[in-house]
Every structure is written in structure tokens, then in C-alpha cells.
Amino acid sequence: MVWRFMLLLFFLNLSKLAFAQDPSFSQFYANRIYLNPAFTGIEQGMTVAAVSRLQWLNVDSGFRTIGFSLELQEPAVNSALGLSIYQDRQGLAQLNSTYVGFSYAYTLGMKNHNLHFGLQARWVEKKVDWEKITFSDQLDPVYGDIYPTSAVPILSRVTFTDFDAGIVWRFVSDIRLGKKRFRDTRHSLGIAIHHLPQLFRNGGGLESFQQLETRVAPRFTAHMGSVFPIVWFGQGSKNLALSPTFKIDYQGEELNNPSENLQVFSSGAYIVYDGFYIGALYQNKRLISNPKNTNALILAFGAYIQPKKRDSNNLFVGFSYDANTTGVGPRAGGVFELAVRVNFVEAPHIFGDPKRRRSKKPIDCYQFF
């Protein structure tokens, strides 16, 4: 009876906890479609991006996440199209989650403001290798794993569809602090709702390998970032800027009970000089540090390489390292993340003649990390 009770607890936790949280990225502005589908196609032309994340590899193989995205801006119809593919592998049982998403964004362009509205439809597949899992009834206190298990796995693969939505407001303004005036300060504010069907009762696809009524919980994301030009050199050929940023993720089934949901606060700032940047962010379950929670200091650096020649392709490369200070701790192995993004300005368009697209007012594009 004791073994059966332990197995029951295992399956309940496996279906309701382990599979209920989404992958997270330290360089969230480098993975813009994943952060908010409204970011789809904010750069002119076609943008191709890739990301690789290795997390806590010293703990049962940890978490490994890779991703790819492709965006195409269509200024003739004030729209953008996107394709994103992510794969997440967790633990010794190699729980593989594959996400394939198609996104659409519409932009309302104004003189110094842009409003972006985005939708994303995703196909999700999750697979697990049951043979690599050791159940409690297989263990002997002296000899270890020697007994057969009475657990009968039902499924090793599940698939379902999912939907996300978001809105982003980007604008440029002048800010005066005392006698100091910051010209052309750029800002970005956004809200995204992931797993939109889960907001409705019995909405969304089931993700349980045991055919339970288990659905991934909805996730709300709020984010903001700014770029404050500080000093200008050589008629704007080189510049120094400060870029503060903030993000909060809130995920759970009981939205009115914060203590029962996953919360992650990320805040910090980057210093940018002539396209090169270095930054630090603090990530925690609460705004104030708590030793009971796993928090991290995120250190990041990289470059946004933009040739002086107009209509030239752009390259972004970013690297980050998360140092866990409490909770899991440094023995888990830390978190490494590499992000690469290439923007092809002269890419062809689906809607409108590419040779005549300059007759259309382009959608303003401001760079954020």
C-alpha cells in the first residue's frame, strides 16, 4: 500500500507540476516572438534568429532548449508574418517538448508611436522515455534498482494546439530630468497572454501522459524597456546609452491566488556603446531577495553590428550567464544562453512590389535587447 501511495503521488506531481511550466529565456528581448507575438516583424525586411540555452546541467542532465524563428515584415499592409520552432529537453527521462508556431502582427503607425497587435497559433508535441524512469517500487534499500515496477504508463507522446496573444506599444520621446534633457528616448511596453484557451473552462489541449484532465496553465507576461542616449560623439556616429528593462511572468491555474502560481521578476539594465553592450539583471520569485527561492544574477554581453551603409544587413549576437545565488545554488551548473539574430533588409515581400516598397512609409523600427 505504501508503494502504491507513493506512485500515486508521483503521477499527480508529474502531470500537474513538472509539465506545467514554460521554458524561460534570460535574454528575453533577443527572443522577441517567444516573449510576445506582437513583436513579430518589427525590423524591416526578413529576420532570422536562433537561441541555445543550457540550464543546470549538473542536476539530472538539466534543461536544454533550442529555438529558431523567421519573421517577414510586410509594410504594404502594415503587417508581419512569423514562424518559430522551439525544442525543450528536460531531465534523465528526456522529456522532449516541441513547439511550432505561426504568428501574425498588425501595426498601427503614428508619428512617434507604434501599436503592435499579435496572435500566434502553436502545435505542441511532448514525448517521454518511460524506460529511463526509475519508480519507487523498483528500489531496494540495500541493493538499489532490482525490482520490476507495477506502474503502467499509458502514453509516451501527446500533441495539442495552443494560442497566444499580445500587444506592444513603442514610442519615442524627450525626457527632462532637472537641467538634463534626454532626446529621442525610446520605450517599449507590452503585455502577452500565453495559452489563451486555458482562460476558458475546459479550454485547450490535454498534456497528461496518463490521460488525466491536465492542461498547461495560462501565463501572463508584462515587459518594458527603454534606451536613454547619454552622450553623443562625432555627430552621432558613436553613442553611449543606458537601457533599463523589466519583465514579470505570472503562470498558474488559480489566477486570484498569487502564492499558488509561478512568478518570476527580472529587472536590470544594459550599457550600450556604439552597438556593443554589457548588462546585469536580477531574477527572483519576488522583487525582494528571499533565500528560500531560487534567484539568479544574469550577466550579459554582446553586439548589434549595423554597417554604416544604408539598407545593409544587420547582425546581433548576445551571450548570458545566470549565476544562482540561493535555492538551487551554484552546484547546479549555472545557465548559459547564446542568441543570434540576422536581419536581411532587402528581403523580398509577399504583399506589394519589393522594387516599389520605398513608396510606402516604412514601419518605424527601434532596437531593443
Protein backbone atom coordinates (compact mmCIF):
# COMPACT_ATOMS: atom_id res chain seq x y z
CA MET A 1 0.00 0.00 0.00
CA VAL A 2 2.85 2.39 0.78
CA TRP A 3 4.40 1.86 -2.65
CA ARG A 4 1.08 2.43 -4.42
CA PHE A 5 0.51 5.63 -2.47
CA MET A 6 3.98 6.87 -3.43
CA LEU A 7 3.33 6.02 -7.07
CA LEU A 8 0.03 7.90 -6.98
CA LEU A 9 1.79 10.97 -5.60
CA PHE A 10 4.45 10.65 -8.28
CA PHE A 11 1.94 10.61 -11.13
CA LEU A 12 -0.03 13.51 -9.69
CA ASN A 13 3.11 15.61 -9.38
CA LEU A 14 4.37 14.52 -12.78
CA SER A 15 1.19 15.56 -14.55
CA LYS A 16 0.38 18.74 -12.64
CA LEU A 17 3.75 20.25 -11.80
CA ALA A 18 6.59 19.08 -13.96
CA PHE A 19 4.81 19.70 -17.24
CA ALA A 20 3.03 22.93 -16.28
CA GLN A 21 5.79 25.48 -16.73
CA ASP A 22 7.14 27.01 -19.90
CA PRO A 23 10.81 27.40 -20.85
CA SER A 24 12.24 30.78 -19.93
CA PHE A 25 14.96 32.89 -21.57
CA SER A 26 17.37 35.23 -19.82
CA GLN A 27 17.79 37.37 -22.95
CA PHE A 28 14.07 37.77 -23.42
CA TYR A 29 14.32 40.70 -25.84
CA ALA A 30 16.59 38.60 -28.04
CA ASN A 31 13.75 36.05 -28.36
CA ARG A 32 11.04 38.51 -29.18
CA ILE A 33 8.34 36.28 -30.70
CA TYR A 34 8.54 33.96 -27.70
CA LEU A 35 8.25 36.94 -25.38
CA ASN A 36 5.31 38.49 -27.18
CA PRO A 37 3.81 37.61 -30.61
CA ALA A 38 3.18 41.34 -31.18
CA PHE A 39 6.95 41.72 -31.70
CA THR A 40 6.69 39.73 -34.94
CA GLY A 41 8.37 41.62 -37.79
CA ILE A 42 9.36 44.83 -36.02
CA GLU A 43 12.51 45.01 -38.16
CA GLN A 44 12.42 45.88 -41.84
CA GLY A 45 12.77 43.00 -44.29
CA MET A 46 13.34 39.44 -43.06
CA THR A 47 14.81 38.48 -39.69
CA VAL A 48 16.23 35.06 -38.82
CA ALA A 49 17.07 34.25 -35.19
CA ALA A 50 18.38 31.28 -33.21
CA VAL A 51 18.89 30.60 -29.50
CA SER A 52 20.51 27.87 -27.41
CA ARG A 53 20.07 27.60 -23.64
CA LEU A 54 21.72 25.14 -21.23
CA GLN A 55 20.38 25.18 -17.67
CA TRP A 56 21.52 23.29 -14.55
CA LEU A 57 23.27 20.51 -16.46
CA ASN A 58 24.76 19.07 -13.25
CA VAL A 59 21.27 18.13 -12.00
CA ASP A 60 19.97 15.06 -13.85
CA SER A 61 21.03 16.48 -17.25
CA GLY A 62 19.16 19.71 -16.51
CA PHE A 63 17.24 21.61 -19.18
CA ARG A 64 18.31 22.12 -22.80
CA THR A 65 16.38 24.50 -25.05
CA ILE A 66 17.00 25.46 -28.65
CA GLY A 67 14.92 27.71 -30.86
CA PHE A 68 14.64 29.15 -34.36
CA SER A 69 12.44 31.92 -35.71
CA LEU A 70 11.84 33.65 -39.02
CA GLU A 71 9.98 36.96 -39.44
CA LEU A 72 8.92 38.87 -42.53
CA GLN A 73 7.71 42.45 -42.35
CA GLU A 74 5.05 43.48 -44.86
CA PRO A 75 4.86 47.31 -44.74
CA ALA A 76 2.43 47.48 -47.68
CA VAL A 77 -0.28 46.01 -45.45
CA ASN A 78 1.12 47.14 -42.07
CA SER A 79 1.56 43.51 -41.10
CA ALA A 80 4.17 40.86 -40.37
CA LEU A 81 4.35 37.08 -40.51
CA GLY A 82 6.44 34.79 -38.35
CA LEU A 83 7.45 31.16 -37.89
CA SER A 84 9.03 29.90 -34.67
CA ILE A 85 10.25 26.45 -33.64
CA TYR A 86 11.44 25.56 -30.15
CA GLN A 87 12.50 22.29 -28.57
CA ASP A 88 12.97 21.78 -24.84
CA ARG A 89 14.55 18.67 -23.29
CA GLN A 90 14.31 18.04 -19.55
CA GLY A 91 15.86 15.53 -17.16
CA LEU A 92 17.09 11.97 -17.40
CA ALA A 93 13.78 10.79 -18.85
CA GLN A 94 14.36 13.13 -21.80
CA LEU A 95 11.01 14.83 -21.67
CA ASN A 96 11.02 16.43 -25.13
CA SER A 97 8.67 19.31 -25.87
CA THR A 98 8.47 20.68 -29.42
CA TYR A 99 6.64 23.92 -30.24
CA VAL A 100 5.88 25.05 -33.79
CA GLY A 101 4.16 28.43 -34.01
CA PHE A 102 2.81 30.70 -36.75
CA SER A 103 2.37 34.33 -35.75
CA TYR A 104 0.76 37.40 -37.28
CA ALA A 105 1.16 41.01 -36.18
CA TYR A 106 -0.58 44.18 -37.26
CA THR A 107 0.90 47.64 -36.68
CA LEU A 108 -0.82 50.97 -36.22
CA GLY A 109 1.86 53.50 -37.11
CA MET A 110 1.78 57.09 -35.89
CA LYS A 111 4.25 59.97 -35.87
CA ASN A 112 6.17 58.98 -32.74
CA HIS A 113 4.20 55.90 -31.68
CA ASN A 114 3.56 52.36 -32.85
CA LEU A 115 0.92 49.96 -31.59
CA HIS A 116 1.55 46.29 -32.42
CA PHE A 117 -1.10 43.58 -32.07
CA GLY A 118 -0.03 39.95 -32.36
CA LEU A 119 -1.55 36.47 -32.46
CA GLN A 120 0.19 33.11 -32.53
CA ALA A 121 -1.13 29.60 -33.17
CA ARG A 122 1.08 26.74 -32.00
CA TRP A 123 1.29 23.00 -32.41
CA VAL A 124 2.82 21.26 -29.39
CA GLU A 125 4.23 17.75 -29.07
CA LYS A 126 5.54 16.22 -25.83
CA LYS A 127 7.34 12.89 -25.57
CA VAL A 128 8.89 10.98 -22.64
CA ASP A 129 11.06 7.85 -22.44
CA TRP A 130 9.48 5.75 -19.69
CA GLU A 131 12.33 3.23 -19.73
CA LYS A 132 14.68 5.84 -18.30
CA ILE A 133 12.46 6.50 -15.27
CA THR A 134 13.01 4.61 -12.01
CA PHE A 135 9.89 4.25 -9.85
CA SER A 136 9.91 3.92 -6.10
CA ASP A 137 8.66 0.31 -6.13
CA GLN A 138 11.77 -0.73 -8.10
CA LEU A 139 14.15 0.27 -5.31
CA ASP A 140 15.59 -1.92 -2.60
CA PRO A 141 17.07 -0.05 0.42
CA VAL A 142 20.26 -2.10 0.15
CA TYR A 143 20.66 -3.26 -3.46
CA GLY A 144 19.04 -0.36 -5.30
CA ASP A 145 17.11 -0.77 -8.54
CA ILE A 146 16.38 -4.54 -8.69
CA TYR A 147 12.57 -4.95 -8.84
CA PRO A 148 10.13 -4.62 -11.73
CA THR A 149 7.62 -1.80 -11.47
CA SER A 150 3.88 -2.12 -11.21
CA ALA A 151 3.42 1.26 -12.91
CA VAL A 152 1.74 1.01 -16.31
CA PRO A 153 2.46 4.08 -18.47
CA ILE A 154 -0.41 4.87 -20.81
CA LEU A 155 1.05 7.31 -23.33
CA SER A 156 4.57 8.25 -24.35
CA ARG A 157 3.52 11.06 -26.73
CA VAL A 158 0.84 13.74 -26.60
CA THR A 159 0.01 16.56 -29.05
CA PHE A 160 -2.27 19.56 -28.83
CA THR A 161 -2.77 23.06 -30.23
CA ASP A 162 -2.34 26.33 -28.37
CA PHE A 163 -2.77 30.08 -28.92
CA ASP A 164 -1.05 33.25 -27.67
CA ALA A 165 -1.88 36.95 -27.99
CA GLY A 166 -0.14 40.20 -27.16
CA ILE A 167 0.12 43.94 -27.62
CA VAL A 168 3.20 46.19 -27.66
CA TRP A 169 3.36 49.98 -27.51
CA ARG A 170 6.61 51.54 -28.75
CA PHE A 171 7.28 55.25 -28.80
CA VAL A 172 9.96 57.94 -28.84
CA SER A 173 10.01 60.93 -26.53
CA ASP A 174 12.23 63.56 -24.93
CA ILE A 175 12.69 63.32 -21.17
CA ARG A 176 13.91 66.13 -18.97
CA LEU A 177 15.49 65.33 -15.58
CA GLY A 178 16.38 68.61 -13.92
CA LYS A 179 18.58 70.52 -16.34
CA LYS A 180 19.43 67.38 -18.28
CA ARG A 181 17.40 66.57 -21.38
CA PHE A 182 17.44 63.13 -23.00
CA ARG A 183 16.44 63.41 -26.66
CA ASP A 184 15.00 60.57 -28.71
CA THR A 185 14.48 58.29 -25.73
CA ARG A 186 12.95 55.03 -26.94
CA HIS A 187 10.46 52.98 -24.94
CA SER A 188 8.66 49.66 -25.28
CA LEU A 189 5.72 48.44 -23.16
CA GLY A 190 3.93 45.16 -23.73
CA ILE A 191 1.54 42.55 -22.35
CA ALA A 192 1.17 38.98 -23.59
CA ILE A 193 -1.18 36.13 -22.71
CA HIS A 194 0.16 32.65 -23.43
CA HIS A 195 -2.03 29.52 -23.52
CA LEU A 196 -5.05 31.66 -24.23
CA PRO A 197 -7.60 28.78 -24.39
CA GLN A 198 -6.80 27.85 -20.78
CA LEU A 199 -8.52 31.03 -19.61
CA PHE A 200 -11.82 29.39 -20.53
CA ARG A 201 -13.18 26.44 -18.66
CA ASN A 202 -12.09 23.12 -20.18
CA GLY A 203 -10.29 25.02 -22.94
CA GLY A 204 -7.05 23.93 -24.57
CA GLY A 205 -5.48 20.56 -25.24
CA LEU A 206 -4.62 17.92 -22.65
CA GLU A 207 -0.93 17.39 -21.95
CA SER A 208 -1.11 14.46 -19.50
CA PHE A 209 0.67 11.19 -20.36
CA GLN A 210 -1.76 9.41 -18.03
CA GLN A 211 -4.86 10.76 -19.82
CA LEU A 212 -5.76 12.98 -16.90
CA GLU A 213 -7.63 16.28 -17.26
CA THR A 214 -4.37 18.22 -17.12
CA ARG A 215 -3.82 21.35 -19.19
CA VAL A 216 -0.90 23.72 -19.22
CA ALA A 217 -1.68 26.76 -17.08
CA PRO A 218 -2.11 30.22 -18.67
CA ARG A 219 0.86 32.58 -18.45
CA PHE A 220 0.78 36.38 -18.35
CA THR A 221 3.86 38.39 -19.28
CA ALA A 222 4.37 42.13 -18.81
CA HIS A 223 7.57 43.75 -20.05
CA MET A 224 9.08 47.15 -20.62
CA GLY A 225 12.38 48.54 -21.84
CA SER A 226 13.89 51.90 -22.64
CA VAL A 227 17.01 53.31 -24.28
CA PHE A 228 18.31 56.62 -22.87
CA PRO A 229 21.01 58.29 -25.02
CA ILE A 230 23.57 59.75 -22.63
CA VAL A 231 26.48 61.18 -24.63
CA TRP A 232 26.86 61.66 -28.36
CA PHE A 233 30.19 61.64 -30.17
CA GLY A 234 31.18 62.57 -33.72
CA GLN A 235 27.79 63.77 -34.95
CA GLY A 236 26.04 60.62 -33.87
CA SER A 237 28.47 58.13 -35.39
CA LYS A 238 29.08 56.71 -31.91
CA ASN A 239 26.88 56.90 -28.85
CA LEU A 240 26.59 55.84 -25.25
CA ALA A 241 23.21 54.80 -23.88
CA LEU A 242 21.60 53.27 -20.82
CA SER A 243 18.88 50.66 -21.36
CA PRO A 244 16.85 49.65 -18.26
CA THR A 245 14.50 46.69 -18.68
CA PHE A 246 11.90 44.78 -16.67
CA LYS A 247 9.78 41.64 -17.10
CA ILE A 248 7.34 39.71 -14.97
CA ASP A 249 5.93 36.25 -15.71
CA TYR A 250 2.85 35.00 -13.88
CA GLN A 251 1.69 31.44 -14.57
CA GLY A 252 -0.86 29.30 -12.80
CA GLU A 253 -4.37 27.90 -12.74
CA GLU A 254 -5.53 29.97 -9.77
CA LEU A 255 -5.01 33.49 -11.07
CA ASN A 256 -6.51 35.08 -7.96
CA ASN A 257 -4.08 33.26 -5.66
CA PRO A 258 -0.52 34.53 -6.31
CA SER A 259 1.05 32.26 -3.68
CA GLU A 260 -0.03 29.17 -5.65
CA ASN A 261 1.31 30.38 -9.01
CA LEU A 262 4.70 30.68 -10.63
CA GLN A 263 6.05 34.23 -10.50
CA VAL A 264 9.34 35.42 -11.94
CA PHE A 265 10.58 39.02 -11.78
CA SER A 266 13.51 40.07 -13.97
CA SER A 267 14.92 43.59 -13.83
CA GLY A 268 18.20 45.25 -14.69
CA ALA A 269 19.96 47.47 -17.20
CA TYR A 270 22.37 47.43 -20.12
CA ILE A 271 25.09 49.92 -21.02
CA VAL A 272 25.37 50.31 -24.78
CA TYR A 273 28.29 51.90 -26.63
CA ASP A 274 28.39 52.01 -30.41
CA GLY A 275 26.40 48.78 -30.73
CA PHE A 276 28.30 46.83 -28.06
CA TYR A 277 26.62 46.24 -24.73
CA ILE A 278 27.10 44.75 -21.28
CA GLY A 279 24.36 44.32 -18.73
CA ALA A 280 23.22 42.77 -15.48
CA LEU A 281 19.74 41.64 -14.42
CA TYR A 282 18.36 40.20 -11.20
CA GLN A 283 15.80 37.39 -11.41
CA ASN A 284 13.73 36.23 -8.48
CA LYS A 285 10.31 35.00 -7.44
CA ARG A 286 9.83 38.24 -5.54
CA LEU A 287 11.03 41.79 -6.15
CA ILE A 288 12.99 41.50 -2.89
CA SER A 289 15.54 38.72 -2.43
CA ASN A 290 14.42 35.71 -0.41
CA PRO A 291 16.89 32.89 0.44
CA LYS A 292 14.07 30.33 0.22
CA ASN A 293 13.67 31.00 -3.52
CA THR A 294 15.99 30.27 -6.39
CA ASN A 295 17.19 33.59 -7.69
CA ALA A 296 19.90 34.48 -10.14
CA LEU A 297 22.19 37.27 -11.22
CA ILE A 298 22.16 37.41 -15.03
CA LEU A 299 25.29 38.78 -16.70
CA ALA A 300 25.02 39.51 -20.43
CA PHE A 301 27.14 40.99 -23.19
CA GLY A 302 27.06 41.16 -26.96
CA ALA A 303 26.88 43.39 -30.00
CA TYR A 304 24.47 44.72 -32.56
CA ILE A 305 26.51 45.18 -35.73
CA GLN A 306 24.90 47.58 -38.18
CA PRO A 307 27.01 48.74 -41.16
CA LYS A 308 27.01 52.46 -41.94
CA LYS A 309 25.80 51.76 -45.46
CA ARG A 310 22.05 52.19 -45.72
CA ASP A 311 19.93 49.11 -46.38
CA SER A 312 22.70 46.77 -45.20
CA ASN A 313 22.11 43.52 -43.33
CA ASN A 314 22.38 43.66 -39.53
CA LEU A 315 23.77 41.09 -37.08
CA PHE A 316 23.03 40.68 -33.39
CA VAL A 317 24.99 38.29 -31.11
CA GLY A 318 24.31 38.01 -27.38
CA PHE A 319 25.60 35.76 -24.59
CA SER A 320 24.39 35.49 -21.00
CA TYR A 321 25.25 33.55 -17.86
CA ASP A 322 22.94 33.07 -14.87
CA ALA A 323 24.68 32.66 -11.52
CA ASN A 324 22.25 31.15 -9.00
CA THR A 325 22.89 32.72 -5.60
CA THR A 326 20.26 30.90 -3.49
CA GLY A 327 17.87 27.98 -3.84
CA VAL A 328 19.36 25.59 -6.40
CA GLY A 329 22.77 27.20 -5.89
CA PRO A 330 25.95 27.24 -7.99
CA ARG A 331 26.45 23.46 -7.82
CA ALA A 332 23.60 23.03 -10.28
CA GLY A 333 25.90 24.30 -13.01
CA GLY A 334 24.52 27.74 -13.85
CA VAL A 335 22.70 28.76 -17.01
CA PHE A 336 24.33 29.55 -20.37
CA GLU A 337 22.49 31.17 -23.25
CA LEU A 338 23.57 32.19 -26.75
CA ALA A 339 21.33 34.22 -29.08
CA VAL A 340 21.99 35.17 -32.72
CA ARG A 341 19.81 37.28 -34.98
CA VAL A 342 20.36 38.37 -38.60
CA ASN A 343 18.25 40.99 -40.34
CA PHE A 344 18.10 40.96 -44.16
CA VAL A 345 16.87 44.44 -45.02
CA GLU A 346 16.48 43.83 -48.76
CA ALA A 347 14.45 40.62 -48.45
CA PRO A 348 11.53 40.26 -50.91
CA HIS A 349 7.95 40.82 -49.79
CA ILE A 350 4.85 38.71 -50.29
CA PHE A 351 2.47 41.67 -50.48
CA GLY A 352 3.45 44.59 -52.69
CA ASP A 353 6.21 45.05 -55.25
CA PRO A 354 9.63 44.93 -53.48
CA LYS A 355 11.03 47.45 -56.00
CA ARG A 356 8.35 49.97 -55.08
CA ARG A 357 8.19 49.38 -51.33
CA ARG A 358 10.05 52.63 -50.58
CA SER A 359 6.97 54.49 -51.82
CA LYS A 360 5.27 53.13 -48.71
CA LYS A 361 6.14 54.70 -45.39
CA PRO A 362 8.13 52.01 -43.59
CA ILE A 363 7.12 50.81 -40.16
CA ASP A 364 9.39 52.53 -37.64
CA CYS A 365 11.90 50.14 -36.10
CA TYR A 366 13.65 50.76 -32.81
CA GLN A 367 16.17 48.30 -31.45
CA PHE A 368 15.69 46.72 -28.03
CA PHE A 369 17.56 43.87 -26.40
